[in-house]
């Protein structure tokens, strides 16, 4: 991973989650040996990709599990 330059800015955002959602998030992070913050960053990047894909005609975000495929649609 590239080192941050001295010009890099970090923005903070205070996020409130219901306990049940936080517990799921924490469990997902723990199972992968990641912090909650790292996991949230990955989720945000994936969400931005999904939004970008949705905005391009003829594009789709597909999740494949074995022989089953699901298309992700953002509402």
C-alpha atoms as a PDB file:
ATOM      1  CA  UNK A   1       0.000   0.000   0.000  1.00  0.00           C
ATOM      2  CA  UNK A   2       1.314   3.425  -0.908  1.00  0.00           C
ATOM      3  CA  UNK A   3       2.284   5.805   1.854  1.00  0.00           C
ATOM      4  CA  UNK A   4       0.071   8.833   2.351  1.00  0.00           C
ATOM      5  CA  UNK A   5       1.541  12.093   1.186  1.00  0.00           C
ATOM      6  CA  UNK A   6       1.608  15.037   3.542  1.00  0.00           C
ATOM      7  CA  UNK A   7      -1.122  16.622   1.367  1.00  0.00           C
ATOM      8  CA  UNK A   8      -3.573  13.755   1.978  1.00  0.00           C
ATOM      9  CA  UNK A   9      -6.679  14.720   3.871  1.00  0.00           C
ATOM     10  CA  UNK A  10      -8.692  12.437   6.096  1.00  0.00           C
ATOM     11  CA  UNK A  11     -12.354  13.157   6.680  1.00  0.00           C
ATOM     12  CA  UNK A  12     -14.217  11.944   9.721  1.00  0.00           C
ATOM     13  CA  UNK A  13     -17.876  11.031   9.765  1.00  0.00           C
ATOM     14  CA  UNK A  14     -19.771  10.078  12.883  1.00  0.00           C
ATOM     15  CA  UNK A  15     -21.993   7.080  12.083  1.00  0.00           C
ATOM     16  CA  UNK A  16     -24.704   5.648  14.353  1.00  0.00           C
ATOM     17  CA  UNK A  17     -25.701   2.019  13.740  1.00  0.00           C
ATOM     18  CA  UNK A  18     -28.358  -0.117  15.393  1.00  0.00           C
ATOM     19  CA  UNK A  19     -26.770  -2.688  17.726  1.00  0.00           C
ATOM     20  CA  UNK A  20     -27.834  -5.638  15.558  1.00  0.00           C
ATOM     21  CA  UNK A  21     -26.218  -4.146  12.442  1.00  0.00           C
ATOM     22  CA  UNK A  22     -23.038  -3.258  14.323  1.00  0.00           C
ATOM     23  CA  UNK A  23     -22.860  -6.791  15.747  1.00  0.00           C
ATOM     24  CA  UNK A  24     -23.068  -8.239  12.195  1.00  0.00           C
ATOM     25  CA  UNK A  25     -20.433  -5.798  10.982  1.00  0.00           C
ATOM     26  CA  UNK A  26     -18.108  -6.605  13.890  1.00  0.00           C
ATOM     27  CA  UNK A  27     -18.536 -10.343  13.344  1.00  0.00           C
ATOM     28  CA  UNK A  28     -17.783  -9.993   9.605  1.00  0.00           C
ATOM     29  CA  UNK A  29     -14.663  -7.946  10.402  1.00  0.00           C
ATOM     30  CA  UNK A  30     -13.476 -10.357  13.099  1.00  0.00           C
ATOM     31  CA  UNK A  31     -13.929 -13.390  10.810  1.00  0.00           C
ATOM     32  CA  UNK A  32     -11.622 -11.737   8.280  1.00  0.00           C
ATOM     33  CA  UNK A  33      -9.085 -10.429  10.765  1.00  0.00           C
ATOM     34  CA  UNK A  34      -9.987  -6.849   9.896  1.00  0.00           C
ATOM     35  CA  UNK A  35     -11.043  -3.845  11.904  1.00  0.00           C
ATOM     36  CA  UNK A  36     -14.575  -2.487  11.690  1.00  0.00           C
ATOM     37  CA  UNK A  37     -13.203   0.652  10.014  1.00  0.00           C
ATOM     38  CA  UNK A  38     -11.352  -1.378   7.346  1.00  0.00           C
ATOM     39  CA  UNK A  39     -14.524  -3.371   6.698  1.00  0.00           C
ATOM     40  CA  UNK A  40     -16.628  -0.218   6.378  1.00  0.00           C
ATOM     41  CA  UNK A  41     -14.127   1.229   3.886  1.00  0.00           C
ATOM     42  CA  UNK A  42     -14.407  -1.928   1.763  1.00  0.00           C
ATOM     43  CA  UNK A  43     -18.222  -1.772   1.935  1.00  0.00           C
ATOM     44  CA  UNK A  44     -18.177   1.863   0.856  1.00  0.00           C
ATOM     45  CA  UNK A  45     -15.891   1.093  -2.112  1.00  0.00           C
ATOM     46  CA  UNK A  46     -18.145  -1.788  -3.145  1.00  0.00           C
ATOM     47  CA  UNK A  47     -21.232   0.416  -2.794  1.00  0.00           C
ATOM     48  CA  UNK A  48     -19.659   3.129  -4.950  1.00  0.00           C
ATOM     49  CA  UNK A  49     -18.852   0.507  -7.603  1.00  0.00           C
ATOM     50  CA  UNK A  50     -22.463  -0.714  -7.484  1.00  0.00           C
ATOM     51  CA  UNK A  51     -23.771   2.842  -7.926  1.00  0.00           C
ATOM     52  CA  UNK A  52     -21.387   3.485 -10.811  1.00  0.00           C
ATOM     53  CA  UNK A  53     -22.429   0.241 -12.493  1.00  0.00           C
ATOM     54  CA  UNK A  54     -26.109   1.106 -12.075  1.00  0.00           C
ATOM     55  CA  UNK A  55     -25.582   4.409 -13.890  1.00  0.00           C
ATOM     56  CA  UNK A  56     -24.094   2.733 -17.008  1.00  0.00           C
ATOM     57  CA  UNK A  57     -26.711   1.377 -19.410  1.00  0.00           C
ATOM     58  CA  UNK A  58     -26.280  -2.330 -20.102  1.00  0.00           C
ATOM     59  CA  UNK A  59     -24.065  -2.872 -17.040  1.00  0.00           C
ATOM     60  CA  UNK A  60     -24.824  -5.107 -14.083  1.00  0.00           C
ATOM     61  CA  UNK A  61     -23.151  -6.107 -10.845  1.00  0.00           C
ATOM     62  CA  UNK A  62     -23.472  -9.883 -10.497  1.00  0.00           C
ATOM     63  CA  UNK A  63     -22.742 -12.091  -7.491  1.00  0.00           C
ATOM     64  CA  UNK A  64     -22.063 -15.706  -8.419  1.00  0.00           C
ATOM     65  CA  UNK A  65     -22.257 -18.458  -5.804  1.00  0.00           C
ATOM     66  CA  UNK A  66     -21.567 -21.780  -7.485  1.00  0.00           C
ATOM     67  CA  UNK A  67     -24.198 -22.162 -10.210  1.00  0.00           C
ATOM     68  CA  UNK A  68     -26.394 -19.391  -8.836  1.00  0.00           C
ATOM     69  CA  UNK A  69     -26.147 -15.782  -9.983  1.00  0.00           C
ATOM     70  CA  UNK A  70     -27.784 -12.733  -8.429  1.00  0.00           C
ATOM     71  CA  UNK A  71     -27.873  -9.254  -9.864  1.00  0.00           C
ATOM     72  CA  UNK A  72     -27.346  -6.414  -7.403  1.00  0.00           C
ATOM     73  CA  UNK A  73     -29.739  -3.502  -7.855  1.00  0.00           C
ATOM     74  CA  UNK A  74     -29.474  -0.265  -5.894  1.00  0.00           C
ATOM     75  CA  UNK A  75     -32.806   1.255  -4.926  1.00  0.00           C
END
